[in-house]
Amino acid sequence: MEEIVVREVKLSEIDEAIALAKAGLKERLGSLVIVDFSDFINFEDSYLSEGAKFYIAMWDGQIVGTCGVSLLRGKVYKLTRLSVAAAFRTRGISKLLMDKAEAFAEMNGGEYTYLSVNKTWDDAIAIYEQRGYQRTEEDEVEYYMIRKI
């Protein structure tokens, strides 16, 4: 079986990476009407600028996972758009993506990584808590979590 490779997205792969992330959201939410896609609309500013990266997991020439990371403020980096194609879940791909994103944050002086997650996504919450993320706040829809690198 092919090995999963995690690396930075190439310009030619941005549309495919966005499609995968949107598919994961649609699968979970049923609709994309309420989702903020400003980071995708301004992809280069959001993820290809200083202090930010967008990683993809590749298997056999196809993108099977995504994860963005960007400086939020001070020494806090935000992880976004963590998504793994349904057929590739439970293979440790989210761990590989988060390892890469967290390493980038740390190499750039980050001390914490932060993320938000829908309260109904128990599997994602479990992954984050296993990695040491702790809930800091919540609203009607999401938990906000942070982890010391």
C-alpha atoms as a PDB file:
ATOM      1  CA  MET A   1       0.000   0.000   0.000  1.00  0.00           C
ATOM      2  CA  GLU A   2       1.127   3.563  -0.736  1.00  0.00           C
ATOM      3  CA  GLU A   3       2.541   5.640   2.076  1.00  0.00           C
ATOM      4  CA  ILE A   4       0.709   8.762   3.246  1.00  0.00           C
ATOM      5  CA  VAL A   5       2.855  11.849   2.613  1.00  0.00           C
ATOM      6  CA  VAL A   6       2.136  15.184   4.325  1.00  0.00           C
ATOM      7  CA  ARG A   7       3.517  18.300   2.673  1.00  0.00           C
ATOM      8  CA  GLU A   8       2.727  21.899   1.810  1.00  0.00           C
ATOM      9  CA  VAL A   9       0.058  22.415  -0.811  1.00  0.00           C
ATOM     10  CA  LYS A  10       1.186  23.543  -4.276  1.00  0.00           C
ATOM     11  CA  LEU A  11      -0.617  26.343  -6.116  1.00  0.00           C
ATOM     12  CA  SER A  12      -1.880  23.832  -8.666  1.00  0.00           C
ATOM     13  CA  GLU A  13      -3.504  21.774  -5.859  1.00  0.00           C
ATOM     14  CA  ILE A  14      -5.407  24.512  -4.045  1.00  0.00           C
ATOM     15  CA  ASP A  15      -8.776  23.869  -5.730  1.00  0.00           C
ATOM     16  CA  GLU A  16      -8.604  20.133  -4.996  1.00  0.00           C
ATOM     17  CA  ALA A  17      -7.621  20.792  -1.369  1.00  0.00           C
ATOM     18  CA  ILE A  18     -10.488  23.248  -0.905  1.00  0.00           C
ATOM     19  CA  ALA A  19     -12.937  20.776  -2.462  1.00  0.00           C
ATOM     20  CA  LEU A  20     -11.867  18.072  -0.002  1.00  0.00           C
ATOM     21  CA  ALA A  21     -12.244  20.380   3.003  1.00  0.00           C
ATOM     22  CA  LYS A  22     -15.662  21.556   1.791  1.00  0.00           C
ATOM     23  CA  ALA A  23     -16.796  17.960   1.211  1.00  0.00           C
ATOM     24  CA  GLY A  24     -15.928  17.092   4.813  1.00  0.00           C
ATOM     25  CA  LEU A  25     -17.909  20.068   6.090  1.00  0.00           C
ATOM     26  CA  LYS A  26     -20.892  19.248   3.900  1.00  0.00           C
ATOM     27  CA  GLU A  27     -20.816  15.632   5.086  1.00  0.00           C
ATOM     28  CA  ARG A  28     -20.947  16.759   8.718  1.00  0.00           C
ATOM     29  CA  LEU A  29     -23.237  19.767   8.407  1.00  0.00           C
ATOM     30  CA  GLY A  30     -25.462  18.701   5.518  1.00  0.00           C
ATOM     31  CA  SER A  31     -25.156  22.176   3.999  1.00  0.00           C
ATOM     32  CA  LEU A  32     -22.471  24.786   3.518  1.00  0.00           C
ATOM     33  CA  VAL A  33     -24.799  27.762   3.798  1.00  0.00           C
ATOM     34  CA  ILE A  34     -23.596  28.857   7.248  1.00  0.00           C
ATOM     35  CA  VAL A  35     -19.866  28.216   6.751  1.00  0.00           C
ATOM     36  CA  ASP A  36     -17.429  31.130   6.524  1.00  0.00           C
ATOM     37  CA  PHE A  37     -15.113  30.575   3.563  1.00  0.00           C
ATOM     38  CA  SER A  38     -13.234  33.875   3.719  1.00  0.00           C
ATOM     39  CA  ASP A  39      -9.952  32.000   4.229  1.00  0.00           C
ATOM     40  CA  PHE A  40     -10.561  30.019   1.033  1.00  0.00           C
ATOM     41  CA  ILE A  41     -11.590  33.106  -0.931  1.00  0.00           C
ATOM     42  CA  ASN A  42      -8.305  34.717   0.121  1.00  0.00           C
ATOM     43  CA  PHE A  43      -6.323  31.466   0.168  1.00  0.00           C
ATOM     44  CA  GLU A  44      -2.932  32.930  -0.652  1.00  0.00           C
ATOM     45  CA  ASP A  45      -3.213  35.632   2.014  1.00  0.00           C
ATOM     46  CA  SER A  46      -4.577  33.143   4.552  1.00  0.00           C
ATOM     47  CA  TYR A  47      -2.187  30.242   4.047  1.00  0.00           C
ATOM     48  CA  LEU A  48       0.652  31.080   1.687  1.00  0.00           C
ATOM     49  CA  SER A  49       1.897  34.176   3.470  1.00  0.00           C
ATOM     50  CA  GLU A  50       4.467  34.609   6.238  1.00  0.00           C
ATOM     51  CA  GLY A  51       3.387  32.885   9.453  1.00  0.00           C
ATOM     52  CA  ALA A  52       1.001  30.493   7.727  1.00  0.00           C
ATOM     53  CA  LYS A  53       0.963  27.163   5.864  1.00  0.00           C
ATOM     54  CA  PHE A  54      -1.581  24.816   4.360  1.00  0.00           C
ATOM     55  CA  TYR A  55      -0.700  21.130   4.447  1.00  0.00           C
ATOM     56  CA  ILE A  56      -2.131  18.251   2.491  1.00  0.00           C
ATOM     57  CA  ALA A  57      -1.934  14.518   3.018  1.00  0.00           C
ATOM     58  CA  MET A  58      -1.321  12.658  -0.250  1.00  0.00           C
ATOM     59  CA  TRP A  59      -1.964   9.016  -1.032  1.00  0.00           C
ATOM     60  CA  ASP A  60      -1.436   7.519  -4.473  1.00  0.00           C
ATOM     61  CA  GLY A  61      -1.488  10.947  -6.140  1.00  0.00           C
ATOM     62  CA  GLN A  62      -4.673  12.189  -4.510  1.00  0.00           C
ATOM     63  CA  ILE A  63      -5.294  14.602  -1.672  1.00  0.00           C
ATOM     64  CA  VAL A  64      -6.853  12.736   1.239  1.00  0.00           C
ATOM     65  CA  GLY A  65      -6.432  15.297   4.041  1.00  0.00           C
ATOM     66  CA  THR A  66      -5.943  18.999   4.748  1.00  0.00           C
ATOM     67  CA  CYS A  67      -4.865  21.260   7.610  1.00  0.00           C
ATOM     68  CA  GLY A  68      -4.136  24.974   7.730  1.00  0.00           C
ATOM     69  CA  VAL A  69      -2.090  26.791  10.356  1.00  0.00           C
ATOM     70  CA  SER A  70      -1.623  30.515  10.828  1.00  0.00           C
ATOM     71  CA  LEU A  71      -0.488  32.986  13.438  1.00  0.00           C
ATOM     72  CA  LEU A  72      -3.482  34.087  15.474  1.00  0.00           C
ATOM     73  CA  ARG A  73      -1.762  36.511  17.837  1.00  0.00           C
ATOM     74  CA  GLY A  74       1.403  36.693  19.909  1.00  0.00           C
ATOM     75  CA  LYS A  75       2.698  33.158  20.280  1.00  0.00           C
ATOM     76  CA  VAL A  76      -0.611  31.463  19.463  1.00  0.00           C
ATOM     77  CA  TYR A  77      -1.155  29.668  16.149  1.00  0.00           C
ATOM     78  CA  LYS A  78      -4.576  28.598  14.921  1.00  0.00           C
ATOM     79  CA  LEU A  79      -5.227  25.248  13.239  1.00  0.00           C
ATOM     80  CA  THR A  80      -8.008  25.288  10.651  1.00  0.00           C
ATOM     81  CA  ARG A  81      -9.580  23.174   7.935  1.00  0.00           C
ATOM     82  CA  LEU A  82      -8.474  19.841   9.375  1.00  0.00           C
ATOM     83  CA  SER A  83     -10.271  17.381   7.151  1.00  0.00           C
ATOM     84  CA  VAL A  84      -9.696  13.770   6.122  1.00  0.00           C
ATOM     85  CA  ALA A  85     -11.573  12.043   3.306  1.00  0.00           C
ATOM     86  CA  ALA A  86     -14.132   9.586   4.731  1.00  0.00           C
ATOM     87  CA  ALA A  87     -12.491   6.543   3.138  1.00  0.00           C
ATOM     88  CA  PHE A  88      -9.167   7.406   4.814  1.00  0.00           C
ATOM     89  CA  ARG A  89     -10.269   8.077   8.371  1.00  0.00           C
ATOM     90  CA  THR A  90      -8.886   6.034  11.288  1.00  0.00           C
ATOM     91  CA  ARG A  91      -5.484   5.747   9.600  1.00  0.00           C
ATOM     92  CA  GLY A  92      -3.756   8.429  11.656  1.00  0.00           C
ATOM     93  CA  ILE A  93      -3.853  11.055   8.909  1.00  0.00           C
ATOM     94  CA  SER A  94      -5.222  13.798  11.160  1.00  0.00           C
ATOM     95  CA  LYS A  95      -2.332  13.105  13.568  1.00  0.00           C
ATOM     96  CA  LEU A  96       0.209  13.439  10.753  1.00  0.00           C
ATOM     97  CA  LEU A  97      -1.362  16.699   9.584  1.00  0.00           C
ATOM     98  CA  MET A  98      -1.520  18.145  13.085  1.00  0.00           C
ATOM     99  CA  ASP A  99       2.077  17.057  13.791  1.00  0.00           C
ATOM    100  CA  LYS A 100       3.218  19.024  10.739  1.00  0.00           C
ATOM    101  CA  ALA A 101       1.126  22.105  11.557  1.00  0.00           C
ATOM    102  CA  GLU A 102       2.160  22.146  15.216  1.00  0.00           C
ATOM    103  CA  ALA A 103       5.827  21.718  14.263  1.00  0.00           C
ATOM    104  CA  PHE A 104       5.531  24.733  11.947  1.00  0.00           C
ATOM    105  CA  ALA A 105       4.015  26.784  14.770  1.00  0.00           C
ATOM    106  CA  GLU A 106       6.776  25.764  17.159  1.00  0.00           C
ATOM    107  CA  MET A 107       9.563  26.455  14.626  1.00  0.00           C
ATOM    108  CA  ASN A 108       8.134  29.947  14.212  1.00  0.00           C
ATOM    109  CA  GLY A 109       8.140  30.762  17.923  1.00  0.00           C
ATOM    110  CA  GLY A 110       4.656  29.548  18.745  1.00  0.00           C
ATOM    111  CA  GLU A 111       3.986  28.344  22.253  1.00  0.00           C
ATOM    112  CA  TYR A 112       0.337  27.346  21.816  1.00  0.00           C
ATOM    113  CA  THR A 113      -1.961  26.005  19.133  1.00  0.00           C
ATOM    114  CA  TYR A 114      -5.647  26.840  19.154  1.00  0.00           C
ATOM    115  CA  LEU A 115      -8.629  25.465  17.265  1.00  0.00           C
ATOM    116  CA  SER A 116     -12.398  25.427  17.256  1.00  0.00           C
ATOM    117  CA  VAL A 117     -14.612  22.400  16.759  1.00  0.00           C
ATOM    118  CA  ASN A 118     -18.336  21.839  16.360  1.00  0.00           C
ATOM    119  CA  LYS A 119     -19.773  20.513  19.638  1.00  0.00           C
ATOM    120  CA  THR A 120     -21.446  17.576  17.860  1.00  0.00           C
ATOM    121  CA  TRP A 121     -18.213  16.211  16.326  1.00  0.00           C
ATOM    122  CA  ASP A 122     -17.370  13.766  19.098  1.00  0.00           C
ATOM    123  CA  ASP A 123     -14.723  11.914  17.092  1.00  0.00           C
ATOM    124  CA  ALA A 124     -12.806  15.125  16.331  1.00  0.00           C
ATOM    125  CA  ILE A 125     -13.113  16.321  19.932  1.00  0.00           C
ATOM    126  CA  ALA A 126     -11.694  12.989  21.132  1.00  0.00           C
ATOM    127  CA  ILE A 127      -8.696  13.328  18.795  1.00  0.00           C
ATOM    128  CA  TYR A 128      -7.981  16.853  20.013  1.00  0.00           C
ATOM    129  CA  GLU A 129      -8.324  15.917  23.677  1.00  0.00           C
ATOM    130  CA  GLN A 130      -5.996  12.922  23.178  1.00  0.00           C
ATOM    131  CA  ARG A 131      -3.418  15.383  21.836  1.00  0.00           C
ATOM    132  CA  GLY A 132      -3.716  17.513  24.968  1.00  0.00           C
ATOM    133  CA  TYR A 133      -6.094  20.220  23.756  1.00  0.00           C
ATOM    134  CA  GLN A 134      -8.229  21.670  26.514  1.00  0.00           C
ATOM    135  CA  ARG A 135     -11.545  23.455  26.170  1.00  0.00           C
ATOM    136  CA  THR A 136     -11.229  27.106  27.074  1.00  0.00           C
ATOM    137  CA  GLU A 137     -14.601  28.500  25.981  1.00  0.00           C
ATOM    138  CA  GLU A 138     -17.706  27.572  24.097  1.00  0.00           C
ATOM    139  CA  ASP A 139     -20.655  29.122  22.347  1.00  0.00           C
ATOM    140  CA  GLU A 140     -23.894  27.600  21.069  1.00  0.00           C
ATOM    141  CA  VAL A 141     -22.117  25.747  18.279  1.00  0.00           C
ATOM    142  CA  GLU A 142     -18.414  25.300  19.009  1.00  0.00           C
ATOM    143  CA  TYR A 143     -15.807  24.496  21.609  1.00  0.00           C
ATOM    144  CA  TYR A 144     -12.602  26.534  21.528  1.00  0.00           C
ATOM    145  CA  MET A 145      -9.545  24.535  22.519  1.00  0.00           C
ATOM    146  CA  ILE A 146      -5.882  25.277  23.175  1.00  0.00           C
ATOM    147  CA  ARG A 147      -2.720  23.234  23.682  1.00  0.00           C
ATOM    148  CA  LYS A 148       0.768  24.141  24.836  1.00  0.00           C
ATOM    149  CA  ILE A 149       3.269  22.994  22.235  1.00  0.00           C
END
